[in-house]
Amino acid sequence: MLFKKHKKISAETLIDLKKYMDICLGVTLAGDECAACAEEPVSYGAPLMQPSAAPVYDKSPKPEKRGKKAAVFQAAQSLDDALGQIDESFADMLLRKIDEKGMTDAQCYKRAQIDRKLFSKIRSQSGYRPSKQTAISFALALELSIDETRDMLMKAGYALSHSSKADIIVEYFIMHGIYDKFQINEALYEFDQPLL
């Protein structure tokens, strides 16, 4: 079996990654002042999130009390409506993306370095919930954009969080169009994070 030769991660990429992580995690770069507050950050990816305003509570008068049966019926009707609008599952999105990319199932799971048995389980069980590393591996194998990756992770019940160094590293590489799992694992190792 022929193995693809992996390109070693460059020192410049690690420096850029460190800067991106510092901005995302809000780590101070110069003294007591946050680099993101001191000046506009260089475009390393997604803009920094601003803290949300305090929650606003609805103080309008409550509707008149109705009988318990009417309230239960109304809640059941709303729940049925909500369940009727269920979104596509992780497995459905994965299979759709494999077809859109013109790949075979075998090409995808081998590229993602996922076991055939696990892939078969995902394929046969529409509601199967993979681990976060598995979902990310498939996103890398399919070379999904950052928005598609976030969508795929969301369908598996996960998110890329700026409170996690590992997530920031994965996000950085995807945003820069680098899908080589070897390079990403090298960067994860460099920052003492669990490998994919």
C-alpha atoms as a PDB file:
ATOM      1  CA  MET A   1       0.000   0.000   0.000  1.00  0.00           C
ATOM      2  CA  LEU A   2       1.380   3.400  -0.963  1.00  0.00           C
ATOM      3  CA  PHE A   3       1.360   6.090   1.686  1.00  0.00           C
ATOM      4  CA  LYS A   4       1.073   9.753   0.847  1.00  0.00           C
ATOM      5  CA  LYS A   5       4.215  11.636   1.870  1.00  0.00           C
ATOM      6  CA  HIS A   6       3.277  14.168   4.518  1.00  0.00           C
ATOM      7  CA  LYS A   7       4.660  17.671   4.489  1.00  0.00           C
ATOM      8  CA  LYS A   8       6.237  18.720   7.785  1.00  0.00           C
ATOM      9  CA  ILE A   9       4.682  21.734   9.461  1.00  0.00           C
ATOM     10  CA  SER A  10       6.749  24.905   9.004  1.00  0.00           C
ATOM     11  CA  ALA A  11       8.029  27.153  11.779  1.00  0.00           C
ATOM     12  CA  GLU A  12       6.170  30.107  10.198  1.00  0.00           C
ATOM     13  CA  THR A  13       2.895  28.180  10.363  1.00  0.00           C
ATOM     14  CA  LEU A  14       3.489  27.432  14.049  1.00  0.00           C
ATOM     15  CA  ILE A  15       4.194  31.125  14.735  1.00  0.00           C
ATOM     16  CA  ASP A  16       1.026  32.190  12.896  1.00  0.00           C
ATOM     17  CA  LEU A  17      -0.923  29.499  14.730  1.00  0.00           C
ATOM     18  CA  LYS A  18       0.385  30.748  18.095  1.00  0.00           C
ATOM     19  CA  LYS A  19      -0.696  34.320  17.235  1.00  0.00           C
ATOM     20  CA  TYR A  20      -4.126  33.075  16.156  1.00  0.00           C
ATOM     21  CA  MET A  21      -4.508  31.065  19.369  1.00  0.00           C
ATOM     22  CA  ASP A  22      -3.491  34.056  21.485  1.00  0.00           C
ATOM     23  CA  ILE A  23      -6.127  36.204  19.811  1.00  0.00           C
ATOM     24  CA  CYS A  24      -8.842  33.534  20.098  1.00  0.00           C
ATOM     25  CA  LEU A  25      -8.083  32.714  23.714  1.00  0.00           C
ATOM     26  CA  GLY A  26      -7.674  36.379  24.690  1.00  0.00           C
ATOM     27  CA  VAL A  27      -4.178  35.801  26.070  1.00  0.00           C
ATOM     28  CA  THR A  28      -2.279  39.023  26.640  1.00  0.00           C
ATOM     29  CA  LEU A  29       0.611  39.497  24.249  1.00  0.00           C
ATOM     30  CA  ALA A  30       2.107  42.700  25.616  1.00  0.00           C
ATOM     31  CA  GLY A  31       2.052  43.400  29.370  1.00  0.00           C
ATOM     32  CA  ASP A  32      -1.353  43.751  31.006  1.00  0.00           C
ATOM     33  CA  GLU A  33      -3.103  44.925  27.883  1.00  0.00           C
ATOM     34  CA  CYS A  34      -4.914  42.474  25.643  1.00  0.00           C
ATOM     35  CA  ALA A  35      -3.569  42.549  22.092  1.00  0.00           C
ATOM     36  CA  ALA A  36      -7.098  42.373  20.684  1.00  0.00           C
ATOM     37  CA  CYS A  37      -8.045  45.495  22.687  1.00  0.00           C
ATOM     38  CA  ALA A  38      -4.840  47.416  21.965  1.00  0.00           C
ATOM     39  CA  GLU A  39      -5.217  47.324  18.195  1.00  0.00           C
ATOM     40  CA  GLU A  40      -7.285  45.727  15.494  1.00  0.00           C
ATOM     41  CA  PRO A  41      -6.018  42.145  15.113  1.00  0.00           C
ATOM     42  CA  VAL A  42      -4.489  41.075  11.866  1.00  0.00           C
ATOM     43  CA  SER A  43      -6.997  38.945   9.933  1.00  0.00           C
ATOM     44  CA  TYR A  44      -6.102  35.465  11.188  1.00  0.00           C
ATOM     45  CA  GLY A  45      -9.602  34.142  10.697  1.00  0.00           C
ATOM     46  CA  ALA A  46     -12.963  34.676  12.329  1.00  0.00           C
ATOM     47  CA  PRO A  47     -13.497  38.037  14.072  1.00  0.00           C
ATOM     48  CA  LEU A  48     -13.417  38.085  17.855  1.00  0.00           C
ATOM     49  CA  MET A  49     -16.770  37.677  19.515  1.00  0.00           C
ATOM     50  CA  GLN A  50     -17.982  40.646  21.514  1.00  0.00           C
ATOM     51  CA  PRO A  51     -19.497  39.925  24.928  1.00  0.00           C
ATOM     52  CA  SER A  52     -23.254  39.767  24.654  1.00  0.00           C
ATOM     53  CA  ALA A  53     -25.464  42.249  26.432  1.00  0.00           C
ATOM     54  CA  ALA A  54     -27.146  41.329  29.689  1.00  0.00           C
ATOM     55  CA  PRO A  55     -30.191  39.120  29.179  1.00  0.00           C
ATOM     56  CA  VAL A  56     -33.509  40.922  28.833  1.00  0.00           C
ATOM     57  CA  TYR A  57     -36.379  39.387  30.727  1.00  0.00           C
ATOM     58  CA  ASP A  58     -39.927  39.670  29.455  1.00  0.00           C
ATOM     59  CA  LYS A  59     -41.910  41.592  32.082  1.00  0.00           C
ATOM     60  CA  SER A  60     -45.126  41.771  30.094  1.00  0.00           C
ATOM     61  CA  PRO A  61     -48.254  40.575  31.884  1.00  0.00           C
ATOM     62  CA  LYS A  62     -48.809  36.827  31.715  1.00  0.00           C
ATOM     63  CA  PRO A  63     -51.819  35.522  29.784  1.00  0.00           C
ATOM     64  CA  GLU A  64     -54.775  34.427  31.824  1.00  0.00           C
ATOM     65  CA  LYS A  65     -54.506  30.954  33.272  1.00  0.00           C
ATOM     66  CA  ARG A  66     -56.229  28.274  31.250  1.00  0.00           C
ATOM     67  CA  GLY A  67     -57.204  24.809  32.271  1.00  0.00           C
ATOM     68  CA  LYS A  68     -54.443  22.168  32.634  1.00  0.00           C
ATOM     69  CA  LYS A  69     -55.824  20.108  29.736  1.00  0.00           C
ATOM     70  CA  ALA A  70     -55.625  23.054  27.313  1.00  0.00           C
ATOM     71  CA  ALA A  71     -52.030  23.871  28.364  1.00  0.00           C
ATOM     72  CA  VAL A  72     -50.916  20.238  27.972  1.00  0.00           C
ATOM     73  CA  PHE A  73     -52.596  20.016  24.552  1.00  0.00           C
ATOM     74  CA  GLN A  74     -50.923  23.248  23.402  1.00  0.00           C
ATOM     75  CA  ALA A  75     -47.472  22.037  24.584  1.00  0.00           C
ATOM     76  CA  ALA A  76     -47.929  18.682  22.852  1.00  0.00           C
ATOM     77  CA  GLN A  77     -48.931  20.404  19.629  1.00  0.00           C
ATOM     78  CA  SER A  78     -45.863  22.654  19.779  1.00  0.00           C
ATOM     79  CA  LEU A  79     -43.543  19.710  20.520  1.00  0.00           C
ATOM     80  CA  ASP A  80     -44.974  17.789  17.564  1.00  0.00           C
ATOM     81  CA  ASP A  81     -44.397  20.824  15.347  1.00  0.00           C
ATOM     82  CA  ALA A  82     -40.817  21.140  16.587  1.00  0.00           C
ATOM     83  CA  LEU A  83     -40.082  17.432  16.091  1.00  0.00           C
ATOM     84  CA  GLY A  84     -41.603  17.626  12.619  1.00  0.00           C
ATOM     85  CA  GLN A  85     -38.850  20.038  11.603  1.00  0.00           C
ATOM     86  CA  ILE A  86     -35.905  17.832  12.573  1.00  0.00           C
ATOM     87  CA  ASP A  87     -32.728  18.518  10.588  1.00  0.00           C
ATOM     88  CA  GLU A  88     -30.553  16.109   8.627  1.00  0.00           C
ATOM     89  CA  SER A  89     -28.431  13.816  10.809  1.00  0.00           C
ATOM     90  CA  PHE A  90     -24.641  13.601  10.901  1.00  0.00           C
ATOM     91  CA  ALA A  91     -24.734  10.331   8.913  1.00  0.00           C
ATOM     92  CA  ASP A  92     -27.040  11.830   6.277  1.00  0.00           C
ATOM     93  CA  MET A  93     -24.798  14.879   5.866  1.00  0.00           C
ATOM     94  CA  LEU A  94     -21.662  12.717   5.716  1.00  0.00           C
ATOM     95  CA  LEU A  95     -23.089  10.492   2.979  1.00  0.00           C
ATOM     96  CA  ARG A  96     -24.384  13.523   1.058  1.00  0.00           C
ATOM     97  CA  LYS A  97     -20.970  15.230   1.211  1.00  0.00           C
ATOM     98  CA  ILE A  98     -19.210  12.037   0.061  1.00  0.00           C
ATOM     99  CA  ASP A  99     -21.474  11.989  -3.006  1.00  0.00           C
ATOM    100  CA  GLU A 100     -21.030  15.738  -3.633  1.00  0.00           C
ATOM    101  CA  LYS A 101     -17.236  15.365  -3.530  1.00  0.00           C
ATOM    102  CA  GLY A 102     -17.389  12.430  -5.978  1.00  0.00           C
ATOM    103  CA  MET A 103     -15.676  10.080  -3.537  1.00  0.00           C
ATOM    104  CA  THR A 104     -16.421   6.474  -2.715  1.00  0.00           C
ATOM    105  CA  ASP A 105     -17.190   5.474   0.865  1.00  0.00           C
ATOM    106  CA  ALA A 106     -13.893   3.569   1.040  1.00  0.00           C
ATOM    107  CA  GLN A 107     -11.883   6.570  -0.179  1.00  0.00           C
ATOM    108  CA  CYS A 108     -13.488   8.747   2.486  1.00  0.00           C
ATOM    109  CA  TYR A 109     -13.040   6.495   5.509  1.00  0.00           C
ATOM    110  CA  LYS A 110      -9.484   5.552   4.495  1.00  0.00           C
ATOM    111  CA  ARG A 111      -8.568   9.205   4.023  1.00  0.00           C
ATOM    112  CA  ALA A 112     -10.124   9.991   7.406  1.00  0.00           C
ATOM    113  CA  GLN A 113      -8.204   7.039   8.902  1.00  0.00           C
ATOM    114  CA  ILE A 114     -11.448   5.607  10.272  1.00  0.00           C
ATOM    115  CA  ASP A 115     -12.085   1.872  10.643  1.00  0.00           C
ATOM    116  CA  ARG A 116     -14.423   0.275   8.068  1.00  0.00           C
ATOM    117  CA  LYS A 117     -16.562  -1.219  10.856  1.00  0.00           C
ATOM    118  CA  LEU A 118     -17.108   2.197  12.433  1.00  0.00           C
ATOM    119  CA  PHE A 119     -18.001   3.690   9.059  1.00  0.00           C
ATOM    120  CA  SER A 120     -20.451   0.840   8.482  1.00  0.00           C
ATOM    121  CA  LYS A 121     -22.064   1.560  11.869  1.00  0.00           C
ATOM    122  CA  ILE A 122     -22.421   5.270  10.991  1.00  0.00           C
ATOM    123  CA  ARG A 123     -23.877   4.365   7.585  1.00  0.00           C
ATOM    124  CA  SER A 124     -26.435   1.879   8.947  1.00  0.00           C
ATOM    125  CA  GLN A 125     -27.534   3.875  12.019  1.00  0.00           C
ATOM    126  CA  SER A 126     -28.818   7.283  10.950  1.00  0.00           C
ATOM    127  CA  GLY A 127     -28.875   8.571  14.542  1.00  0.00           C
ATOM    128  CA  TYR A 128     -25.353   7.372  15.386  1.00  0.00           C
ATOM    129  CA  ARG A 129     -23.326  10.004  17.241  1.00  0.00           C
ATOM    130  CA  PRO A 130     -19.577   9.759  16.523  1.00  0.00           C
ATOM    131  CA  SER A 131     -16.818  11.155  18.724  1.00  0.00           C
ATOM    132  CA  LYS A 132     -15.714  14.718  18.052  1.00  0.00           C
ATOM    133  CA  GLN A 133     -12.357  13.481  16.688  1.00  0.00           C
ATOM    134  CA  THR A 134     -14.172  11.183  14.243  1.00  0.00           C
ATOM    135  CA  ALA A 135     -16.416  14.011  13.018  1.00  0.00           C
ATOM    136  CA  ILE A 136     -13.381  16.291  12.548  1.00  0.00           C
ATOM    137  CA  SER A 137     -11.503  13.503  10.729  1.00  0.00           C
ATOM    138  CA  PHE A 138     -14.354  13.174   8.236  1.00  0.00           C
ATOM    139  CA  ALA A 139     -14.490  16.960   7.754  1.00  0.00           C
ATOM    140  CA  LEU A 140     -10.741  16.939   6.975  1.00  0.00           C
ATOM    141  CA  ALA A 141     -11.050  13.940   4.639  1.00  0.00           C
ATOM    142  CA  LEU A 142     -13.825  15.699   2.712  1.00  0.00           C
ATOM    143  CA  GLU A 143     -11.901  19.014   2.769  1.00  0.00           C
ATOM    144  CA  LEU A 144     -14.954  20.891   4.025  1.00  0.00           C
ATOM    145  CA  SER A 145     -14.956  24.660   4.463  1.00  0.00           C
ATOM    146  CA  ILE A 146     -14.999  26.033   8.002  1.00  0.00           C
ATOM    147  CA  ASP A 147     -18.766  26.666   7.808  1.00  0.00           C
ATOM    148  CA  GLU A 148     -19.432  23.137   6.518  1.00  0.00           C
ATOM    149  CA  THR A 149     -17.168  21.736   9.248  1.00  0.00           C
ATOM    150  CA  ARG A 150     -19.058  23.641  11.941  1.00  0.00           C
ATOM    151  CA  ASP A 151     -22.346  22.395  10.476  1.00  0.00           C
ATOM    152  CA  MET A 152     -21.124  18.788  10.421  1.00  0.00           C
ATOM    153  CA  LEU A 153     -19.904  19.026  14.020  1.00  0.00           C
ATOM    154  CA  MET A 154     -23.182  20.590  15.103  1.00  0.00           C
ATOM    155  CA  LYS A 155     -25.103  17.672  13.574  1.00  0.00           C
ATOM    156  CA  ALA A 156     -22.943  15.324  15.675  1.00  0.00           C
ATOM    157  CA  GLY A 157     -23.643  17.414  18.797  1.00  0.00           C
ATOM    158  CA  TYR A 158     -20.318  19.294  18.967  1.00  0.00           C
ATOM    159  CA  ALA A 159     -18.848  22.703  18.195  1.00  0.00           C
ATOM    160  CA  LEU A 160     -15.476  24.326  17.572  1.00  0.00           C
ATOM    161  CA  SER A 161     -14.938  26.386  20.700  1.00  0.00           C
ATOM    162  CA  HIS A 162     -12.520  29.255  21.214  1.00  0.00           C
ATOM    163  CA  SER A 163     -12.075  28.060  24.803  1.00  0.00           C
ATOM    164  CA  SER A 164     -10.247  24.970  23.520  1.00  0.00           C
ATOM    165  CA  LYS A 165      -6.714  25.120  22.082  1.00  0.00           C
ATOM    166  CA  ALA A 166      -7.323  21.922  20.118  1.00  0.00           C
ATOM    167  CA  ASP A 167     -10.431  23.401  18.468  1.00  0.00           C
ATOM    168  CA  ILE A 168      -8.605  26.622  17.609  1.00  0.00           C
ATOM    169  CA  ILE A 169      -5.766  24.638  16.014  1.00  0.00           C
ATOM    170  CA  VAL A 170      -8.198  22.605  13.888  1.00  0.00           C
ATOM    171  CA  GLU A 171     -10.098  25.771  12.933  1.00  0.00           C
ATOM    172  CA  TYR A 172      -6.849  27.542  11.964  1.00  0.00           C
ATOM    173  CA  PHE A 173      -5.757  24.780   9.584  1.00  0.00           C
ATOM    174  CA  ILE A 174      -9.174  24.445   7.957  1.00  0.00           C
ATOM    175  CA  MET A 175      -9.435  28.212   7.473  1.00  0.00           C
ATOM    176  CA  HIS A 176      -6.030  28.132   5.746  1.00  0.00           C
ATOM    177  CA  GLY A 177      -7.059  25.237   3.487  1.00  0.00           C
ATOM    178  CA  ILE A 178      -4.657  22.745   5.106  1.00  0.00           C
ATOM    179  CA  TYR A 179      -6.386  19.376   5.519  1.00  0.00           C
ATOM    180  CA  ASP A 180      -3.327  17.198   6.167  1.00  0.00           C
ATOM    181  CA  LYS A 181      -4.116  15.301   9.371  1.00  0.00           C
ATOM    182  CA  PHE A 182      -0.397  14.675   9.925  1.00  0.00           C
ATOM    183  CA  GLN A 183       0.371  18.432  10.056  1.00  0.00           C
ATOM    184  CA  ILE A 184      -2.625  19.116  12.285  1.00  0.00           C
ATOM    185  CA  ASN A 185      -1.585  16.347  14.673  1.00  0.00           C
ATOM    186  CA  GLU A 186       1.949  17.753  14.695  1.00  0.00           C
ATOM    187  CA  ALA A 187       0.583  21.159  15.727  1.00  0.00           C
ATOM    188  CA  LEU A 188      -1.692  19.555  18.340  1.00  0.00           C
ATOM    189  CA  TYR A 189       1.325  17.698  19.743  1.00  0.00           C
ATOM    190  CA  GLU A 190       3.386  20.918  19.764  1.00  0.00           C
ATOM    191  CA  PHE A 191       0.747  22.555  22.000  1.00  0.00           C
ATOM    192  CA  ASP A 192       0.197  19.469  24.201  1.00  0.00           C
ATOM    193  CA  GLN A 193      -3.282  18.736  22.869  1.00  0.00           C
ATOM    194  CA  PRO A 194      -4.894  15.335  22.189  1.00  0.00           C
ATOM    195  CA  LEU A 195      -4.295  14.087  18.648  1.00  0.00           C
ATOM    196  CA  LEU A 196      -6.999  13.369  16.098  1.00  0.00           C
END
